[in-house]
Amino acid sequence: MGRTGPGVPPDPVLEEADRRRLRYPPFLLPRRQRHRAGELIGQSADRLGAKVHALFVGAWHVHLVTGYVHVPLPEVVKVLKEGVRNGLGYSRAIWVDGYDKRFCFDAGSLRARVEYVRKHNVEDGLAPDPWGFIEPVRWR
């Protein structure tokens, strides 16, 4: 909470604003569960027919780049969040309502988003694409 990216120090003002919006006490996904959470996201995305091009699972947030999905985005997000929550056996919400979405309409913006997500994995000590289901984008 209250951060803008890996390696950025906490911002107390943003952190307090985040805490006031929470329905439950803050939840941080334990490191030992993050890889499994990514697998669950991959399984849920596959059920929706979504190709995952990049994924980062952190303690408090996820970055995901997918191809086109025939399901409305709110339903995609719900399926992915619930897949992780149920798959890990949590009975409470583990991520807040809502999400930030960015659509990519050209190769440059797509490449930037994929590299942004991959960079998070590397900064977290992982391979750029730590899950076998990640499908690289075929650049033309």
Protein backbone atom coordinates (compact mmCIF):
# COMPACT_ATOMS: atom_id res chain seq x y z
CA MET A 1 0.00 0.00 0.00
CA GLY A 2 1.09 3.55 -0.57
CA ARG A 3 3.86 2.61 -3.04
CA THR A 4 4.24 3.22 -6.73
CA GLY A 5 6.56 0.31 -7.59
CA PRO A 6 9.28 -2.03 -6.42
CA GLY A 7 12.09 -0.32 -4.54
CA VAL A 8 10.06 2.83 -3.90
CA PRO A 9 9.85 3.77 -0.22
CA PRO A 10 6.41 3.91 1.41
CA ASP A 11 4.46 7.15 1.27
CA PRO A 12 2.73 7.59 4.68
CA VAL A 13 0.03 9.89 3.29
CA LEU A 14 -0.93 7.45 0.51
CA GLU A 15 -0.68 4.53 2.91
CA GLU A 16 -3.11 6.12 5.36
CA ALA A 17 -5.54 6.96 2.54
CA ASP A 18 -5.35 3.33 1.39
CA ARG A 19 -6.01 2.03 4.93
CA ARG A 20 -9.14 4.19 5.30
CA ARG A 21 -10.63 2.57 2.18
CA LEU A 22 -10.09 -1.02 3.37
CA ARG A 23 -13.00 -3.19 4.49
CA TYR A 24 -10.62 -5.74 6.05
CA PRO A 25 -7.20 -5.44 7.65
CA PRO A 26 -4.40 -5.27 5.05
CA PHE A 27 -3.48 -8.58 3.46
CA LEU A 28 -0.02 -9.35 2.14
CA LEU A 29 0.35 -12.50 0.07
CA PRO A 30 3.16 -14.54 1.63
CA ARG A 31 6.15 -15.08 -0.66
CA ARG A 32 5.72 -18.85 -0.38
CA GLN A 33 2.26 -18.55 -2.00
CA ARG A 34 3.05 -16.14 -4.81
CA HIS A 35 4.17 -18.72 -7.36
CA ARG A 36 1.06 -20.81 -6.67
CA ALA A 37 -1.08 -17.67 -6.99
CA GLY A 38 0.46 -17.11 -10.42
CA GLU A 39 -0.35 -20.69 -11.41
CA LEU A 40 -3.95 -20.14 -10.32
CA ILE A 41 -4.14 -16.95 -12.37
CA GLY A 42 -2.83 -18.90 -15.36
CA GLN A 43 -5.41 -21.64 -14.89
CA SER A 44 -8.22 -19.10 -14.55
CA ALA A 45 -7.04 -17.18 -17.61
CA ASP A 46 -6.90 -20.42 -19.60
CA ARG A 47 -10.52 -21.22 -18.66
CA LEU A 48 -11.48 -17.81 -20.05
CA GLY A 49 -9.47 -18.34 -23.23
CA ALA A 50 -7.01 -15.58 -22.34
CA LYS A 51 -3.37 -15.79 -23.36
CA VAL A 52 -1.09 -14.44 -20.64
CA HIS A 53 1.81 -12.45 -22.08
CA ALA A 54 3.26 -11.19 -18.78
CA LEU A 55 2.49 -11.70 -15.10
CA PHE A 56 3.87 -10.43 -11.81
CA VAL A 57 2.46 -11.53 -8.45
CA GLY A 58 3.63 -9.40 -5.54
CA ALA A 59 2.74 -9.27 -1.89
CA TRP A 60 -0.03 -6.74 -2.40
CA HIS A 61 -0.71 -6.45 -6.11
CA VAL A 62 -0.59 -8.20 -9.46
CA HIS A 63 0.38 -7.00 -12.92
CA LEU A 64 -1.06 -8.96 -15.83
CA VAL A 65 -0.88 -8.51 -19.60
CA THR A 66 -3.28 -10.62 -21.64
CA GLY A 67 -4.42 -10.79 -25.20
CA TYR A 68 -8.01 -10.15 -26.21
CA VAL A 69 -10.61 -11.95 -24.13
CA HIS A 70 -14.22 -12.38 -25.28
CA VAL A 71 -15.47 -11.85 -21.70
CA PRO A 72 -16.06 -8.34 -20.30
CA LEU A 73 -13.08 -7.12 -18.27
CA PRO A 74 -14.92 -6.94 -14.92
CA GLU A 75 -15.78 -10.64 -15.29
CA VAL A 76 -12.17 -11.49 -16.17
CA VAL A 77 -10.90 -9.72 -13.06
CA LYS A 78 -13.53 -11.40 -10.88
CA VAL A 79 -12.66 -14.88 -12.20
CA LEU A 80 -8.92 -14.33 -11.71
CA LYS A 81 -9.27 -12.91 -8.18
CA GLU A 82 -11.67 -15.63 -7.11
CA GLY A 83 -9.49 -18.32 -8.66
CA VAL A 84 -6.57 -17.23 -6.49
CA ARG A 85 -8.65 -16.70 -3.35
CA ASN A 86 -10.38 -20.06 -3.61
CA GLY A 87 -7.30 -21.91 -4.81
CA LEU A 88 -5.28 -20.71 -1.84
CA GLY A 89 -8.13 -21.41 0.57
CA TYR A 90 -8.84 -17.89 1.81
CA SER A 91 -12.37 -17.11 2.98
CA ARG A 92 -11.93 -13.33 2.86
CA ALA A 93 -11.14 -10.96 0.05
CA ILE A 94 -7.40 -10.75 -0.50
CA TRP A 95 -7.40 -7.90 -3.04
CA VAL A 96 -9.50 -4.78 -2.98
CA ASP A 97 -12.36 -4.11 -5.33
CA GLY A 98 -11.41 -2.45 -8.54
CA TYR A 99 -8.35 -2.49 -10.71
CA ASP A 100 -6.36 -0.33 -13.07
CA LYS A 101 -6.71 -1.23 -16.73
CA ARG A 102 -4.67 -0.13 -19.68
CA PHE A 103 -5.50 -1.09 -23.23
CA CYS A 104 -2.72 -1.41 -25.78
CA PHE A 105 -3.56 -0.35 -29.32
CA ASP A 106 -0.12 -0.60 -30.86
CA ALA A 107 3.01 -2.74 -30.62
CA GLY A 108 4.98 -0.05 -28.80
CA SER A 109 2.53 0.30 -25.93
CA LEU A 110 2.13 -3.47 -25.66
CA ARG A 111 5.90 -3.97 -25.58
CA ALA A 112 6.25 -1.30 -22.86
CA ARG A 113 3.59 -2.97 -20.69
CA VAL A 114 5.12 -6.45 -21.09
CA GLU A 115 8.60 -5.16 -20.24
CA TYR A 116 7.24 -3.23 -17.24
CA VAL A 117 5.72 -6.42 -15.82
CA ARG A 118 8.79 -8.55 -16.59
CA LYS A 119 10.98 -5.93 -14.85
CA HIS A 120 8.93 -6.37 -11.66
CA ASN A 121 9.71 -10.11 -11.67
CA VAL A 122 13.43 -9.50 -12.13
CA GLU A 123 13.46 -6.89 -9.35
CA ASP A 124 11.72 -9.46 -7.13
CA GLY A 125 14.51 -11.98 -7.79
CA LEU A 126 12.61 -14.07 -10.34
CA ALA A 127 13.03 -14.89 -13.99
CA PRO A 128 11.28 -12.38 -16.28
CA ASP A 129 8.62 -15.01 -17.11
CA PRO A 130 8.54 -17.41 -14.13
CA TRP A 131 5.48 -19.41 -15.24
CA GLY A 132 5.44 -21.90 -18.10
CA PHE A 133 2.06 -20.76 -19.42
CA ILE A 134 3.28 -17.27 -20.33
CA GLU A 135 3.11 -16.85 -24.10
CA PRO A 136 5.58 -14.35 -25.53
CA VAL A 137 4.09 -11.76 -27.83
CA ARG A 138 5.02 -12.41 -31.45
CA TRP A 139 6.36 -9.04 -32.57
CA ARG A 140 6.01 -8.36 -36.27
